[in-house]
Each structure stands twice: as C-alpha cells, then as structure tokens.
Amino acid sequence: MTQGSLTELGRWLLLMGVVLIVLGGVLLLLGRLPHLPIGRLPGDFSWEKGNIRLYFPLGTMLLVSLVLTLLLNLLLRLFR
C-alpha cells in the first residue's frame, strides 16, 4: 500500500466514525421522544402465541429504506 492510499483509507474511516457518532446521537434523541409511530406502522406484522412473539416490521423497513435512499442520493448529488 502506498502512503496516499493509507491517507485516503484513514479519511474514510474518520468519516464513517463521525457518521456513526451522529447516527448514535440521533437515535438517542429519538428514544426520548414519546409515541413515535416507527415500529407501529401499517404493514408491521406481529404475531403472538403463548411464549412466542414474532414481529416483522415490513412497513418500517420500507420507510427507512426510502428515507435512506433519498438522503444518500441527495448527498451524492451534492458532492458530485
């Protein structure tokens, strides 16, 4: 590996670290907000029988996927 590629790798790792810290902070703040509909959207399936509980958040997964896709496309267009 050359010095330039190590420098670039270091920058990417720092950027990913900052992104993870910001995402963690956002999740901590969202956890303090009462009554968020995330996890109870239409399309989120839950099934309970005896001691078994199955939860499949299809609606939430689709919403998160849509929001992340829009954000990443916006960021990529800004830095192009």
PDB file of N, CA and C in Angstrom:
ATOM      1  N   MET A   1       0.840  -1.191   0.000  1.00  0.00           N
ATOM      2  CA  MET A   1       0.000   0.000   0.000  1.00  0.00           C
ATOM      3  C   MET A   1       0.877   1.243   0.000  1.00  0.00           C
ATOM      4  N   THR A   2       0.441   2.210  -0.733  1.00  0.00           N
ATOM      5  CA  THR A   2       1.193   3.453  -0.783  1.00  0.00           C
ATOM      6  C   THR A   2       0.699   4.398   0.306  1.00  0.00           C
ATOM      7  N   GLN A   3       1.466   5.419   0.549  1.00  0.00           N
ATOM      8  CA  GLN A   3       1.109   6.393   1.582  1.00  0.00           C
ATOM      9  C   GLN A   3      -0.198   7.107   1.241  1.00  0.00           C
ATOM     10  N   GLY A   4      -0.416   7.405  -0.036  1.00  0.00           N
ATOM     11  CA  GLY A   4      -1.642   8.085  -0.447  1.00  0.00           C
ATOM     12  C   GLY A   4      -2.876   7.248  -0.202  1.00  0.00           C
ATOM     13  N   SER A   5      -2.778   5.943  -0.458  1.00  0.00           N
ATOM     14  CA  SER A   5      -3.946   5.094  -0.239  1.00  0.00           C
ATOM     15  C   SER A   5      -4.222   4.925   1.252  1.00  0.00           C
ATOM     16  N   LEU A   6      -3.176   4.920   2.086  1.00  0.00           N
ATOM     17  CA  LEU A   6      -3.390   4.845   3.530  1.00  0.00           C
ATOM     18  C   LEU A   6      -4.034   6.123   4.055  1.00  0.00           C
ATOM     19  N   THR A   7      -3.631   7.257   3.501  1.00  0.00           N
ATOM     20  CA  THR A   7      -4.234   8.527   3.898  1.00  0.00           C
ATOM     21  C   THR A   7      -5.711   8.552   3.530  1.00  0.00           C
ATOM     22  N   GLU A   8      -6.018   8.085   2.338  1.00  0.00           N
ATOM     23  CA  GLU A   8      -7.418   8.050   1.902  1.00  0.00           C
ATOM     24  C   GLU A   8      -8.241   7.096   2.765  1.00  0.00           C
ATOM     25  N   LEU A   9      -7.673   5.943   3.090  1.00  0.00           N
ATOM     26  CA  LEU A   9      -8.349   4.983   3.958  1.00  0.00           C
ATOM     27  C   LEU A   9      -8.599   5.597   5.336  1.00  0.00           C
ATOM     28  N   GLY A  10      -7.627   6.320   5.856  1.00  0.00           N
ATOM     29  CA  GLY A  10      -7.786   6.988   7.143  1.00  0.00           C
ATOM     30  C   GLY A  10      -8.901   8.015   7.118  1.00  0.00           C
ATOM     31  N   ARG A  11      -8.984   8.766   6.045  1.00  0.00           N
ATOM     32  CA  ARG A  11     -10.060   9.767   5.917  1.00  0.00           C
ATOM     33  C   ARG A  11     -11.430   9.094   5.881  1.00  0.00           C
ATOM     34  N   TRP A  12     -11.538   7.996   5.140  1.00  0.00           N
ATOM     35  CA  TRP A  12     -12.821   7.284   5.063  1.00  0.00           C
ATOM     36  C   TRP A  12     -13.210   6.721   6.425  1.00  0.00           C
ATOM     37  N   LEU A  13     -12.241   6.185   7.151  1.00  0.00           N
ATOM     38  CA  LEU A  13     -12.541   5.643   8.475  1.00  0.00           C
ATOM     39  C   LEU A  13     -12.989   6.739   9.438  1.00  0.00           C
ATOM     40  N   LEU A  14     -12.334   7.898   9.372  1.00  0.00           N
ATOM     41  CA  LEU A  14     -12.759   9.024  10.203  1.00  0.00           C
ATOM     42  C   LEU A  14     -14.166   9.492   9.836  1.00  0.00           C
ATOM     43  N   LEU A  15     -14.441   9.561   8.552  1.00  0.00           N
ATOM     44  CA  LEU A  15     -15.771   9.966   8.103  1.00  0.00           C
ATOM     45  C   LEU A  15     -16.837   8.984   8.588  1.00  0.00           C
ATOM     46  N   MET A  16     -16.562   7.699   8.474  1.00  0.00           N
ATOM     47  CA  MET A  16     -17.517   6.685   8.944  1.00  0.00           C
ATOM     48  C   MET A  16     -17.702   6.776  10.458  1.00  0.00           C
ATOM     49  N   GLY A  17     -16.641   7.082  11.176  1.00  0.00           N
ATOM     50  CA  GLY A  17     -16.747   7.259  12.630  1.00  0.00           C
ATOM     51  C   GLY A  17     -17.645   8.436  12.986  1.00  0.00           C
ATOM     52  N   VAL A  18     -17.473   9.544  12.276  1.00  0.00           N
ATOM     53  CA  VAL A  18     -18.314  10.717  12.522  1.00  0.00           C
ATOM     54  C   VAL A  18     -19.768  10.407  12.191  1.00  0.00           C
ATOM     55  N   VAL A  19     -19.993   9.711  11.091  1.00  0.00           N
ATOM     56  CA  VAL A  19     -21.358   9.336  10.704  1.00  0.00           C
ATOM     57  C   VAL A  19     -21.982   8.446  11.781  1.00  0.00           C
ATOM     58  N   LEU A  20     -21.240   7.490  12.308  1.00  0.00           N
ATOM     59  CA  LEU A  20     -21.758   6.611  13.352  1.00  0.00           C
ATOM     60  C   LEU A  20     -22.057   7.379  14.635  1.00  0.00           C
ATOM     61  N   ILE A  21     -21.214   8.338  14.989  1.00  0.00           N
ATOM     62  CA  ILE A  21     -21.464   9.145  16.192  1.00  0.00           C
ATOM     63  C   ILE A  21     -22.731   9.978  16.015  1.00  0.00           C
ATOM     64  N   VAL A  22     -22.890  10.603  14.861  1.00  0.00           N
ATOM     65  CA  VAL A  22     -24.086  11.411  14.605  1.00  0.00           C
ATOM     66  C   VAL A  22     -25.334  10.528  14.604  1.00  0.00           C
ATOM     67  N   LEU A  23     -25.260   9.379  13.963  1.00  0.00           N
ATOM     68  CA  LEU A  23     -26.400   8.463  13.926  1.00  0.00           C
ATOM     69  C   LEU A  23     -26.755   7.975  15.328  1.00  0.00           C
ATOM     70  N   GLY A  24     -25.745   7.670  16.134  1.00  0.00           N
ATOM     71  CA  GLY A  24     -25.994   7.261  17.508  1.00  0.00           C
ATOM     72  C   GLY A  24     -26.658   8.362  18.314  1.00  0.00           C
ATOM     73  N   GLY A  25     -26.216   9.583  18.136  1.00  0.00           N
ATOM     74  CA  GLY A  25     -26.837  10.720  18.830  1.00  0.00           C
ATOM     75  C   GLY A  25     -28.283  10.925  18.420  1.00  0.00           C
ATOM     76  N   VAL A  26     -28.551  10.789  17.133  1.00  0.00           N
ATOM     77  CA  VAL A  26     -29.929  10.925  16.643  1.00  0.00           C
ATOM     78  C   VAL A  26     -30.811   9.832  17.243  1.00  0.00           C
ATOM     79  N   LEU A  27     -30.310   8.609  17.289  1.00  0.00           N
ATOM     80  CA  LEU A  27     -31.091   7.518  17.863  1.00  0.00           C
ATOM     81  C   LEU A  27     -31.338   7.723  19.350  1.00  0.00           C
ATOM     82  N   LEU A  28     -30.353   8.249  20.066  1.00  0.00           N
ATOM     83  CA  LEU A  28     -30.556   8.550  21.485  1.00  0.00           C
ATOM     84  C   LEU A  28     -31.639   9.613  21.667  1.00  0.00           C
ATOM     85  N   LEU A  29     -31.621  10.646  20.831  1.00  0.00           N
ATOM     86  CA  LEU A  29     -32.640  11.689  20.935  1.00  0.00           C
ATOM     87  C   LEU A  29     -34.020  11.164  20.548  1.00  0.00           C
ATOM     88  N   LEU A  30     -34.075  10.323  19.521  1.00  0.00           N
ATOM     89  CA  LEU A  30     -35.367   9.771  19.110  1.00  0.00           C
ATOM     90  C   LEU A  30     -35.942   8.846  20.177  1.00  0.00           C
ATOM     91  N   GLY A  31     -35.072   8.187  20.937  1.00  0.00           N
ATOM     92  CA  GLY A  31     -35.539   7.307  22.002  1.00  0.00           C
ATOM     93  C   GLY A  31     -36.206   8.055  23.137  1.00  0.00           C
ATOM     94  N   ARG A  32     -35.929   9.336  23.273  1.00  0.00           N
ATOM     95  CA  ARG A  32     -36.531  10.147  24.329  1.00  0.00           C
ATOM     96  C   ARG A  32     -37.857  10.767  23.917  1.00  0.00           C
ATOM     97  N   LEU A  33     -38.154  10.781  22.629  1.00  0.00           N
ATOM     98  CA  LEU A  33     -39.422  11.339  22.165  1.00  0.00           C
ATOM     99  C   LEU A  33     -40.554  10.342  22.416  1.00  0.00           C
ATOM    100  N   PRO A  34     -41.664  10.822  22.939  1.00  0.00           N
ATOM    101  CA  PRO A  34     -42.771   9.894  23.219  1.00  0.00           C
ATOM    102  C   PRO A  34     -43.590   9.578  21.974  1.00  0.00           C
ATOM    103  N   HIS A  35     -44.085   8.375  21.922  1.00  0.00           N
ATOM    104  CA  HIS A  35     -45.094   7.943  20.939  1.00  0.00           C
ATOM    105  C   HIS A  35     -44.665   8.116  19.487  1.00  0.00           C
ATOM    106  N   LEU A  36     -43.486   7.657  19.151  1.00  0.00           N
ATOM    107  CA  LEU A  36     -43.092   7.659  17.745  1.00  0.00           C
ATOM    108  C   LEU A  36     -43.809   6.519  17.031  1.00  0.00           C
ATOM    109  N   PRO A  37     -44.342   6.756  15.841  1.00  0.00           N
ATOM    110  CA  PRO A  37     -45.056   5.690  15.141  1.00  0.00           C
ATOM    111  C   PRO A  37     -44.135   4.644  14.516  1.00  0.00           C
ATOM    112  N   ILE A  38     -42.824   4.878  14.559  1.00  0.00           N
ATOM    113  CA  ILE A  38     -41.895   3.907  13.979  1.00  0.00           C
ATOM    114  C   ILE A  38     -42.024   2.599  14.755  1.00  0.00           C
ATOM    115  N   GLY A  39     -42.242   1.530  14.037  1.00  0.00           N
ATOM    116  CA  GLY A  39     -42.419   0.232  14.671  1.00  0.00           C
ATOM    117  C   GLY A  39     -43.875  -0.152  14.834  1.00  0.00           C
ATOM    118  N   ARG A  40     -44.764   0.795  14.593  1.00  0.00           N
ATOM    119  CA  ARG A  40     -46.203   0.521  14.676  1.00  0.00           C
ATOM    120  C   ARG A  40     -46.920   1.037  13.427  1.00  0.00           C
ATOM    121  N   LEU A  41     -46.242   0.994  12.324  1.00  0.00           N
ATOM    122  CA  LEU A  41     -46.817   1.470  11.073  1.00  0.00           C
ATOM    123  C   LEU A  41     -47.698   0.396  10.445  1.00  0.00           C
ATOM    124  N   PRO A  42     -48.617   0.795   9.557  1.00  0.00           N
ATOM    125  CA  PRO A  42     -49.361  -0.220   8.811  1.00  0.00           C
ATOM    126  C   PRO A  42     -48.379  -1.063   7.995  1.00  0.00           C
ATOM    127  N   GLY A  43     -48.538  -2.341   8.034  1.00  0.00           N
ATOM    128  CA  GLY A  43     -47.624  -3.234   7.346  1.00  0.00           C
ATOM    129  C   GLY A  43     -46.618  -3.871   8.283  1.00  0.00           C
ATOM    130  N   ASP A  44     -46.568  -3.420   9.541  1.00  0.00           N
ATOM    131  CA  ASP A  44     -45.725  -4.061  10.551  1.00  0.00           C
ATOM    132  C   ASP A  44     -46.531  -5.202  11.161  1.00  0.00           C
ATOM    133  N   PHE A  45     -46.049  -6.409  10.953  1.00  0.00           N
ATOM    134  CA  PHE A  45     -46.786  -7.581  11.397  1.00  0.00           C
ATOM    135  C   PHE A  45     -46.258  -8.066  12.740  1.00  0.00           C
ATOM    136  N   SER A  46     -47.180  -8.389  13.640  1.00  0.00           N
ATOM    137  CA  SER A  46     -46.787  -9.018  14.898  1.00  0.00           C
ATOM    138  C   SER A  46     -47.735 -10.179  15.166  1.00  0.00           C
ATOM    139  N   TRP A  47     -47.176 -11.249  15.683  1.00  0.00           N
ATOM    140  CA  TRP A  47     -47.932 -12.462  15.954  1.00  0.00           C
ATOM    141  C   TRP A  47     -47.477 -12.991  17.300  1.00  0.00           C
ATOM    142  N   GLU A  48     -48.419 -13.318  18.141  1.00  0.00           N
ATOM    143  CA  GLU A  48     -48.096 -13.771  19.484  1.00  0.00           C
ATOM    144  C   GLU A  48     -48.937 -14.997  19.821  1.00  0.00           C
ATOM    145  N   LYS A  49     -48.260 -16.023  20.315  1.00  0.00           N
ATOM    146  CA  LYS A  49     -48.969 -17.229  20.727  1.00  0.00           C
ATOM    147  C   LYS A  49     -48.177 -17.862  21.866  1.00  0.00           C
ATOM    148  N   GLY A  50     -48.749 -17.854  23.031  1.00  0.00           N
ATOM    149  CA  GLY A  50     -48.072 -18.411  24.184  1.00  0.00           C
ATOM    150  C   GLY A  50     -46.820 -17.617  24.517  1.00  0.00           C
ATOM    151  N   ASN A  51     -45.684 -18.306  24.591  1.00  0.00           N
ATOM    152  CA  ASN A  51     -44.409 -17.653  24.901  1.00  0.00           C
ATOM    153  C   ASN A  51     -43.673 -17.176  23.666  1.00  0.00           C
ATOM    154  N   ILE A  52     -44.268 -17.332  22.503  1.00  0.00           N
ATOM    155  CA  ILE A  52     -43.600 -16.978  21.256  1.00  0.00           C
ATOM    156  C   ILE A  52     -44.169 -15.665  20.738  1.00  0.00           C
ATOM    157  N   ARG A  53     -43.275 -14.746  20.413  1.00  0.00           N
ATOM    158  CA  ARG A  53     -43.689 -13.465  19.841  1.00  0.00           C
ATOM    159  C   ARG A  53     -42.867 -13.238  18.586  1.00  0.00           C
ATOM    160  N   LEU A  54     -43.539 -13.035  17.463  1.00  0.00           N
ATOM    161  CA  LEU A  54     -42.879 -12.797  16.183  1.00  0.00           C
ATOM    162  C   LEU A  54     -43.258 -11.402  15.713  1.00  0.00           C
ATOM    163  N   TYR A  55     -42.270 -10.624  15.351  1.00  0.00           N
ATOM    164  CA  TYR A  55     -42.501  -9.257  14.890  1.00  0.00           C
ATOM    165  C   TYR A  55     -41.726  -9.051  13.602  1.00  0.00           C
ATOM    166  N   PHE A  56     -42.411  -8.620  12.557  1.00  0.00           N
ATOM    167  CA  PHE A  56     -41.801  -8.373  11.254  1.00  0.00           C
ATOM    168  C   PHE A  56     -42.180  -6.964  10.801  1.00  0.00           C
ATOM    169  N   PRO A  57     -41.282  -5.977  10.965  1.00  0.00           N
ATOM    170  CA  PRO A  57     -41.603  -4.572  10.674  1.00  0.00           C
ATOM    171  C   PRO A  57     -41.460  -4.217   9.190  1.00  0.00           C
ATOM    172  N   LEU A  58     -42.294  -4.789   8.350  1.00  0.00           N
ATOM    173  CA  LEU A  58     -42.195  -4.559   6.911  1.00  0.00           C
ATOM    174  C   LEU A  58     -42.418  -3.087   6.557  1.00  0.00           C
ATOM    175  N   GLY A  59     -43.457  -2.474   7.101  1.00  0.00           N
ATOM    176  CA  GLY A  59     -43.743  -1.063   6.811  1.00  0.00           C
ATOM    177  C   GLY A  59     -42.621  -0.149   7.267  1.00  0.00           C
ATOM    178  N   THR A  60     -42.081  -0.406   8.445  1.00  0.00           N
ATOM    179  CA  THR A  60     -40.979   0.399   8.964  1.00  0.00           C
ATOM    180  C   THR A  60     -39.734   0.223   8.108  1.00  0.00           C
ATOM    181  N   MET A  61     -39.440  -1.010   7.694  1.00  0.00           N
ATOM    182  CA  MET A  61     -38.266  -1.249   6.855  1.00  0.00           C
ATOM    183  C   MET A  61     -38.389  -0.515   5.519  1.00  0.00           C
ATOM    184  N   LEU A  62     -39.576  -0.512   4.941  1.00  0.00           N
ATOM    185  CA  LEU A  62     -39.774   0.188   3.668  1.00  0.00           C
ATOM    186  C   LEU A  62     -39.590   1.697   3.839  1.00  0.00           C
ATOM    187  N   LEU A  63     -40.124   2.253   4.937  1.00  0.00           N
ATOM    188  CA  LEU A  63     -39.996   3.685   5.185  1.00  0.00           C
ATOM    189  C   LEU A  63     -38.537   4.074   5.419  1.00  0.00           C
ATOM    190  N   VAL A  64     -37.817   3.313   6.222  1.00  0.00           N
ATOM    191  CA  VAL A  64     -36.412   3.606   6.488  1.00  0.00           C
ATOM    192  C   VAL A  64     -35.596   3.476   5.207  1.00  0.00           C
ATOM    193  N   SER A  65     -35.882   2.472   4.404  1.00  0.00           N
ATOM    194  CA  SER A  65     -35.178   2.291   3.141  1.00  0.00           C
ATOM    195  C   SER A  65     -35.412   3.474   2.204  1.00  0.00           C
ATOM    196  N   LEU A  66     -36.639   3.938   2.132  1.00  0.00           N
ATOM    197  CA  LEU A  66     -36.964   5.078   1.276  1.00  0.00           C
ATOM    198  C   LEU A  66     -36.242   6.335   1.742  1.00  0.00           C
ATOM    199  N   VAL A  67     -36.273   6.616   3.037  1.00  0.00           N
ATOM    200  CA  VAL A  67     -35.633   7.818   3.575  1.00  0.00           C
ATOM    201  C   VAL A  67     -34.119   7.758   3.359  1.00  0.00           C
ATOM    202  N   LEU A  68     -33.504   6.614   3.649  1.00  0.00           N
ATOM    203  CA  LEU A  68     -32.055   6.498   3.450  1.00  0.00           C
ATOM    204  C   LEU A  68     -31.666   6.601   1.984  1.00  0.00           C
ATOM    205  N   THR A  69     -32.465   6.041   1.097  1.00  0.00           N
ATOM    206  CA  THR A  69     -32.188   6.151  -0.339  1.00  0.00           C
ATOM    207  C   THR A  69     -32.242   7.604  -0.790  1.00  0.00           C
ATOM    208  N   LEU A  70     -33.254   8.332  -0.346  1.00  0.00           N
ATOM    209  CA  LEU A  70     -33.364   9.748  -0.709  1.00  0.00           C
ATOM    210  C   LEU A  70     -32.196  10.555  -0.152  1.00  0.00           C
ATOM    211  N   LEU A  71     -31.811  10.308   1.103  1.00  0.00           N
ATOM    212  CA  LEU A  71     -30.699  11.039   1.702  1.00  0.00           C
ATOM    213  C   LEU A  71     -29.378  10.748   0.996  1.00  0.00           C
ATOM    214  N   LEU A  72     -29.120   9.488   0.708  1.00  0.00           N
ATOM    215  CA  LEU A  72     -27.871   9.139   0.030  1.00  0.00           C
ATOM    216  C   LEU A  72     -27.817   9.706  -1.383  1.00  0.00           C
ATOM    217  N   ASN A  73     -28.948   9.679  -2.091  1.00  0.00           N
ATOM    218  CA  ASN A  73     -28.971  10.264  -3.439  1.00  0.00           C
ATOM    219  C   ASN A  73     -28.728  11.773  -3.379  1.00  0.00           C
ATOM    220  N   LEU A  74     -29.312  12.434  -2.382  1.00  0.00           N
ATOM    221  CA  LEU A  74     -29.103  13.868  -2.222  1.00  0.00           C
ATOM    222  C   LEU A  74     -27.641  14.169  -1.907  1.00  0.00           C
ATOM    223  N   LEU A  75     -27.041  13.403  -0.993  1.00  0.00           N
ATOM    224  CA  LEU A  75     -25.631  13.613  -0.658  1.00  0.00           C
ATOM    225  C   LEU A  75     -24.720  13.354  -1.853  1.00  0.00           C
ATOM    226  N   LEU A  76     -25.007  12.301  -2.603  1.00  0.00           N
ATOM    227  CA  LEU A  76     -24.167  12.005  -3.769  1.00  0.00           C
ATOM    228  C   LEU A  76     -24.285  13.088  -4.834  1.00  0.00           C
ATOM    229  N   ARG A  77     -25.462  13.662  -5.003  1.00  0.00           N
ATOM    230  CA  ARG A  77     -25.624  14.742  -5.973  1.00  0.00           C
ATOM    231  C   ARG A  77     -24.915  16.017  -5.524  1.00  0.00           C
ATOM    232  N   LEU A  78     -24.887  16.261  -4.205  1.00  0.00           N
ATOM    233  CA  LEU A  78     -24.216  17.445  -3.703  1.00  0.00           C
ATOM    234  C   LEU A  78     -22.701  17.380  -3.865  1.00  0.00           C
ATOM    235  N   PHE A  79     -22.130  16.185  -3.714  1.00  0.00           N
ATOM    236  CA  PHE A  79     -20.683  16.030  -3.773  1.00  0.00           C
ATOM    237  C   PHE A  79     -20.170  15.582  -5.125  1.00  0.00           C
ATOM    238  N   ARG A  80     -21.019  15.582  -6.129  1.00  0.00           N
ATOM    239  CA  ARG A  80     -20.572  15.202  -7.480  1.00  0.00           C
ATOM    240  C   ARG A  80     -19.978  16.363  -8.191  1.00  0.00           C
TER     241      ARG A  80
END
